[in-house]
Amino acid sequence: MPFIKVETNVIAPDEEACLKGLSALAAELLGKPEAYVLAELESGKKLLFGGTGDPAAFVTLDSIGLPEDRTPEFSAAISGYLNRELSIPANRVYIAFGDIKRHLFGWDGGTF
């Protein structure tokens, strides 16, 4: 049930391709089937980071069993992706990681 969401003030030139890339990245990082990944991209938002409107992003990566010891690796990979795809510098990206308990996440009329 990985969920990755990117909110950015950059307008993605190809939102569909960027979204597909985020989905694949989350699946790869977490070692989970992409069939379970939910990805969301909100580009062109009004967003200030450090008081400026320069390219920036806020990312959420949630998953059941998110390995906390790997968050530095995940941060580097996500920041690298956003830099390559949207020219957002790594020092203008905040990432919130969440390890979701199975019983607190619903799907298909039940929980995990």
N, C-alpha and C. Protein backbone atom coordinates (compact mmCIF):
# COMPACT_ATOMS: atom_id res chain seq x y z
N MET A 1 0.79 -1.21 0.00
CA MET A 1 0.00 0.00 0.00
C MET A 1 0.83 1.26 0.00
N PRO A 2 2.00 1.23 -0.60
CA PRO A 2 2.79 2.46 -0.60
C PRO A 2 2.03 3.62 -1.23
N PHE A 3 2.23 4.80 -0.64
CA PHE A 3 1.63 6.02 -1.14
C PHE A 3 2.72 7.07 -1.25
N ILE A 4 2.89 7.62 -2.43
CA ILE A 4 3.84 8.71 -2.63
C ILE A 4 3.09 9.90 -3.21
N LYS A 5 3.30 11.05 -2.60
CA LYS A 5 2.64 12.26 -3.06
C LYS A 5 3.69 13.37 -3.15
N VAL A 6 3.68 14.07 -4.26
CA VAL A 6 4.59 15.19 -4.47
C VAL A 6 3.74 16.43 -4.72
N GLU A 7 3.98 17.45 -3.90
CA GLU A 7 3.38 18.76 -4.08
C GLU A 7 4.52 19.70 -4.44
N THR A 8 4.38 20.40 -5.55
CA THR A 8 5.46 21.27 -6.00
C THR A 8 4.93 22.52 -6.68
N ASN A 9 5.75 23.57 -6.64
CA ASN A 9 5.40 24.80 -7.33
C ASN A 9 5.89 24.78 -8.78
N VAL A 10 6.56 23.73 -9.17
CA VAL A 10 7.03 23.56 -10.55
C VAL A 10 5.89 22.96 -11.37
N ILE A 11 5.74 23.43 -12.59
CA ILE A 11 4.76 22.83 -13.50
C ILE A 11 5.48 21.72 -14.26
N ALA A 12 5.05 20.50 -14.04
CA ALA A 12 5.67 19.35 -14.71
C ALA A 12 5.38 19.41 -16.20
N PRO A 13 6.42 19.31 -17.05
CA PRO A 13 6.18 19.38 -18.49
C PRO A 13 5.36 18.18 -19.00
N ASP A 14 5.53 17.03 -18.37
CA ASP A 14 4.76 15.83 -18.73
C ASP A 14 4.32 15.17 -17.43
N GLU A 15 3.18 15.61 -16.91
CA GLU A 15 2.71 15.12 -15.61
C GLU A 15 2.52 13.61 -15.59
N GLU A 16 1.98 13.05 -16.65
CA GLU A 16 1.73 11.61 -16.69
C GLU A 16 3.03 10.82 -16.58
N ALA A 17 4.04 11.23 -17.31
CA ALA A 17 5.33 10.54 -17.26
C ALA A 17 5.98 10.70 -15.89
N CYS A 18 5.88 11.88 -15.32
CA CYS A 18 6.46 12.12 -13.99
C CYS A 18 5.74 11.28 -12.94
N LEU A 19 4.43 11.20 -13.04
CA LEU A 19 3.63 10.41 -12.11
C LEU A 19 3.97 8.93 -12.22
N LYS A 20 4.10 8.44 -13.43
CA LYS A 20 4.49 7.03 -13.65
C LYS A 20 5.87 6.76 -13.07
N GLY A 21 6.77 7.72 -13.23
CA GLY A 21 8.11 7.58 -12.68
C GLY A 21 8.09 7.52 -11.16
N LEU A 22 7.26 8.34 -10.54
CA LEU A 22 7.13 8.34 -9.08
C LEU A 22 6.59 7.01 -8.58
N SER A 23 5.61 6.47 -9.28
CA SER A 23 5.03 5.19 -8.91
C SER A 23 6.07 4.07 -8.98
N ALA A 24 6.80 4.05 -10.07
CA ALA A 24 7.85 3.03 -10.24
C ALA A 24 8.95 3.19 -9.19
N LEU A 25 9.31 4.44 -8.89
CA LEU A 25 10.34 4.70 -7.89
C LEU A 25 9.93 4.19 -6.52
N ALA A 26 8.69 4.49 -6.11
CA ALA A 26 8.21 4.03 -4.80
C ALA A 26 8.22 2.51 -4.72
N ALA A 27 7.76 1.85 -5.77
CA ALA A 27 7.76 0.38 -5.79
C ALA A 27 9.18 -0.16 -5.67
N GLU A 28 10.09 0.42 -6.41
CA GLU A 28 11.48 -0.04 -6.38
C GLU A 28 12.12 0.18 -5.01
N LEU A 29 11.95 1.36 -4.46
CA LEU A 29 12.57 1.67 -3.16
C LEU A 29 12.06 0.76 -2.06
N LEU A 30 10.76 0.50 -2.08
CA LEU A 30 10.15 -0.26 -0.99
C LEU A 30 10.09 -1.76 -1.26
N GLY A 31 10.47 -2.16 -2.48
CA GLY A 31 10.45 -3.58 -2.81
C GLY A 31 9.05 -4.17 -2.81
N LYS A 32 8.08 -3.37 -3.25
CA LYS A 32 6.69 -3.82 -3.27
C LYS A 32 6.18 -3.75 -4.71
N PRO A 33 5.19 -4.58 -5.05
CA PRO A 33 4.64 -4.53 -6.40
C PRO A 33 4.03 -3.17 -6.72
N GLU A 34 4.30 -2.68 -7.91
CA GLU A 34 3.76 -1.39 -8.30
C GLU A 34 2.23 -1.42 -8.35
N ALA A 35 1.66 -2.60 -8.48
CA ALA A 35 0.19 -2.73 -8.50
C ALA A 35 -0.45 -2.21 -7.22
N TYR A 36 0.32 -2.12 -6.14
CA TYR A 36 -0.20 -1.64 -4.86
C TYR A 36 0.12 -0.17 -4.58
N VAL A 37 0.92 0.44 -5.44
CA VAL A 37 1.37 1.82 -5.21
C VAL A 37 0.31 2.83 -5.65
N LEU A 38 0.05 3.80 -4.79
CA LEU A 38 -0.78 4.95 -5.14
C LEU A 38 0.14 6.16 -5.22
N ALA A 39 0.16 6.81 -6.36
CA ALA A 39 1.03 7.98 -6.57
C ALA A 39 0.17 9.18 -6.92
N GLU A 40 0.57 10.32 -6.39
CA GLU A 40 -0.15 11.57 -6.65
C GLU A 40 0.88 12.68 -6.91
N LEU A 41 0.59 13.50 -7.90
CA LEU A 41 1.44 14.63 -8.23
C LEU A 41 0.57 15.87 -8.33
N GLU A 42 0.89 16.86 -7.52
CA GLU A 42 0.23 18.16 -7.60
C GLU A 42 1.29 19.17 -8.01
N SER A 43 1.33 19.45 -9.31
CA SER A 43 2.33 20.40 -9.80
C SER A 43 1.70 21.77 -10.00
N GLY A 44 2.54 22.78 -10.01
CA GLY A 44 2.07 24.15 -10.21
C GLY A 44 1.33 24.74 -9.02
N LYS A 45 1.58 24.20 -7.81
CA LYS A 45 0.92 24.72 -6.61
C LYS A 45 1.58 26.02 -6.15
N LYS A 46 0.84 26.79 -5.41
CA LYS A 46 1.42 27.97 -4.76
C LYS A 46 2.16 27.43 -3.54
N LEU A 47 3.47 27.56 -3.57
CA LEU A 47 4.31 26.97 -2.53
C LEU A 47 5.54 27.84 -2.32
N LEU A 48 5.78 28.20 -1.07
CA LEU A 48 7.01 28.92 -0.72
C LEU A 48 7.86 28.04 0.15
N PHE A 49 9.16 28.09 -0.07
CA PHE A 49 10.11 27.37 0.76
C PHE A 49 11.19 28.38 1.12
N GLY A 50 11.40 28.60 2.40
CA GLY A 50 12.40 29.59 2.83
C GLY A 50 12.05 31.00 2.40
N GLY A 51 10.76 31.25 2.21
CA GLY A 51 10.32 32.59 1.85
C GLY A 51 10.42 32.93 0.39
N THR A 52 10.82 31.96 -0.46
CA THR A 52 10.91 32.23 -1.89
C THR A 52 10.06 31.25 -2.68
N GLY A 53 9.71 31.65 -3.89
CA GLY A 53 8.95 30.80 -4.79
C GLY A 53 9.81 30.01 -5.74
N ASP A 54 11.12 29.92 -5.45
CA ASP A 54 12.01 29.10 -6.28
C ASP A 54 11.52 27.65 -6.25
N PRO A 55 11.90 26.85 -7.25
CA PRO A 55 11.44 25.45 -7.30
C PRO A 55 11.63 24.74 -5.96
N ALA A 56 10.54 24.09 -5.51
CA ALA A 56 10.55 23.39 -4.23
C ALA A 56 9.48 22.30 -4.27
N ALA A 57 9.58 21.37 -3.31
CA ALA A 57 8.59 20.30 -3.24
C ALA A 57 8.44 19.79 -1.82
N PHE A 58 7.24 19.29 -1.53
CA PHE A 58 6.96 18.57 -0.30
C PHE A 58 6.49 17.18 -0.72
N VAL A 59 7.15 16.16 -0.19
CA VAL A 59 6.87 14.78 -0.56
C VAL A 59 6.40 14.01 0.66
N THR A 60 5.42 13.16 0.45
CA THR A 60 4.97 12.22 1.47
C THR A 60 5.22 10.83 0.94
N LEU A 61 5.87 9.99 1.73
CA LEU A 61 6.04 8.58 1.38
C LEU A 61 5.59 7.76 2.58
N ASP A 62 4.47 7.09 2.42
CA ASP A 62 3.90 6.26 3.47
C ASP A 62 3.87 4.81 2.99
N SER A 63 4.07 3.89 3.93
CA SER A 63 3.97 2.47 3.59
C SER A 63 3.83 1.65 4.86
N ILE A 64 3.15 0.54 4.75
CA ILE A 64 3.13 -0.43 5.84
C ILE A 64 4.53 -1.04 5.90
N GLY A 65 5.12 -0.99 7.06
CA GLY A 65 6.46 -1.57 7.23
C GLY A 65 7.57 -0.76 6.60
N LEU A 66 7.41 0.55 6.52
CA LEU A 66 8.47 1.39 5.95
C LEU A 66 9.73 1.23 6.79
N PRO A 67 10.83 0.82 6.17
CA PRO A 67 12.06 0.61 6.94
C PRO A 67 12.74 1.93 7.31
N GLU A 68 12.62 2.32 8.56
CA GLU A 68 13.13 3.62 9.01
C GLU A 68 14.63 3.77 8.81
N ASP A 69 15.37 2.67 8.86
CA ASP A 69 16.82 2.76 8.70
C ASP A 69 17.23 3.06 7.26
N ARG A 70 16.28 3.00 6.33
CA ARG A 70 16.59 3.27 4.92
C ARG A 70 16.12 4.64 4.46
N THR A 71 15.56 5.45 5.38
CA THR A 71 15.04 6.75 4.95
C THR A 71 16.11 7.67 4.35
N PRO A 72 17.37 7.62 4.79
CA PRO A 72 18.37 8.45 4.11
C PRO A 72 18.54 8.05 2.63
N GLU A 73 18.52 6.76 2.37
CA GLU A 73 18.61 6.25 0.99
C GLU A 73 17.38 6.71 0.18
N PHE A 74 16.20 6.60 0.79
CA PHE A 74 14.98 7.01 0.11
C PHE A 74 15.00 8.50 -0.19
N SER A 75 15.47 9.29 0.77
CA SER A 75 15.55 10.73 0.60
C SER A 75 16.45 11.09 -0.58
N ALA A 76 17.59 10.45 -0.66
CA ALA A 76 18.53 10.71 -1.77
C ALA A 76 17.90 10.33 -3.11
N ALA A 77 17.23 9.19 -3.16
CA ALA A 77 16.63 8.74 -4.42
C ALA A 77 15.49 9.64 -4.86
N ILE A 78 14.62 10.02 -3.93
CA ILE A 78 13.49 10.88 -4.27
C ILE A 78 13.97 12.27 -4.68
N SER A 79 14.91 12.82 -3.92
CA SER A 79 15.45 14.14 -4.25
C SER A 79 16.14 14.12 -5.60
N GLY A 80 16.89 13.05 -5.87
CA GLY A 80 17.55 12.91 -7.16
C GLY A 80 16.56 12.86 -8.31
N TYR A 81 15.48 12.11 -8.11
CA TYR A 81 14.44 12.02 -9.14
C TYR A 81 13.83 13.40 -9.41
N LEU A 82 13.48 14.12 -8.36
CA LEU A 82 12.87 15.44 -8.53
C LEU A 82 13.83 16.43 -9.17
N ASN A 83 15.11 16.29 -8.89
CA ASN A 83 16.10 17.16 -9.53
C ASN A 83 16.21 16.85 -11.02
N ARG A 84 16.26 15.56 -11.35
CA ARG A 84 16.37 15.18 -12.77
C ARG A 84 15.12 15.54 -13.56
N GLU A 85 13.96 15.27 -13.00
CA GLU A 85 12.71 15.43 -13.74
C GLU A 85 12.14 16.86 -13.71
N LEU A 86 12.34 17.56 -12.58
CA LEU A 86 11.70 18.87 -12.42
C LEU A 86 12.69 19.99 -12.06
N SER A 87 13.97 19.67 -12.03
CA SER A 87 15.02 20.66 -11.71
C SER A 87 14.82 21.30 -10.34
N ILE A 88 14.37 20.50 -9.38
CA ILE A 88 14.22 20.98 -8.01
C ILE A 88 15.47 20.57 -7.23
N PRO A 89 16.21 21.53 -6.67
CA PRO A 89 17.40 21.19 -5.90
C PRO A 89 17.04 20.39 -4.64
N ALA A 90 17.90 19.48 -4.27
CA ALA A 90 17.66 18.62 -3.11
C ALA A 90 17.45 19.42 -1.83
N ASN A 91 18.10 20.57 -1.72
CA ASN A 91 17.95 21.37 -0.49
C ASN A 91 16.65 22.18 -0.46
N ARG A 92 15.79 21.94 -1.46
CA ARG A 92 14.47 22.59 -1.48
C ARG A 92 13.36 21.54 -1.52
N VAL A 93 13.68 20.37 -0.95
CA VAL A 93 12.70 19.27 -0.88
C VAL A 93 12.60 18.80 0.56
N TYR A 94 11.40 18.81 1.09
CA TYR A 94 11.12 18.18 2.38
C TYR A 94 10.38 16.88 2.10
N ILE A 95 10.70 15.85 2.87
CA ILE A 95 10.06 14.55 2.70
C ILE A 95 9.58 14.06 4.06
N ALA A 96 8.30 13.72 4.13
CA ALA A 96 7.72 13.15 5.34
C ALA A 96 7.51 11.66 5.12
N PHE A 97 8.16 10.85 5.95
CA PHE A 97 8.05 9.40 5.86
C PHE A 97 7.07 8.90 6.91
N GLY A 98 6.27 7.92 6.55
CA GLY A 98 5.33 7.36 7.50
C GLY A 98 5.27 5.85 7.42
N ASP A 99 5.38 5.21 8.58
CA ASP A 99 5.23 3.76 8.70
C ASP A 99 3.82 3.51 9.23
N ILE A 100 2.95 3.04 8.36
CA ILE A 100 1.54 2.89 8.70
C ILE A 100 1.28 1.49 9.28
N LYS A 101 0.56 1.44 10.37
CA LYS A 101 0.19 0.16 10.95
C LYS A 101 -0.91 -0.47 10.10
N ARG A 102 -0.83 -1.77 9.88
CA ARG A 102 -1.78 -2.49 9.01
C ARG A 102 -3.24 -2.22 9.38
N HIS A 103 -3.54 -2.24 10.65
CA HIS A 103 -4.94 -2.09 11.06
C HIS A 103 -5.45 -0.66 10.92
N LEU A 104 -4.56 0.27 10.60
CA LEU A 104 -4.95 1.67 10.45
C LEU A 104 -5.02 2.09 8.98
N PHE A 105 -4.98 1.12 8.08
CA PHE A 105 -5.05 1.44 6.66
C PHE A 105 -6.07 0.55 5.98
N GLY A 106 -7.09 1.18 5.40
CA GLY A 106 -8.16 0.42 4.78
C GLY A 106 -7.96 0.23 3.29
N TRP A 107 -8.50 -0.87 2.79
CA TRP A 107 -8.46 -1.17 1.36
C TRP A 107 -9.47 -2.29 1.08
N ASP A 108 -10.16 -2.17 -0.01
CA ASP A 108 -11.06 -3.20 -0.49
C ASP A 108 -12.11 -3.61 0.55
N GLY A 109 -12.59 -2.62 1.28
CA GLY A 109 -13.63 -2.87 2.27
C GLY A 109 -13.14 -3.44 3.59
N GLY A 110 -11.82 -3.52 3.75
CA GLY A 110 -11.25 -4.04 5.00
C GLY A 110 -9.99 -3.27 5.34
N THR A 111 -9.12 -3.90 6.07
CA THR A 111 -7.81 -3.31 6.38
C THR A 111 -6.74 -4.34 6.01
N PHE A 112 -5.52 -3.90 6.03
CA PHE A 112 -4.41 -4.79 5.72
C PHE A 112 -4.06 -5.66 6.92
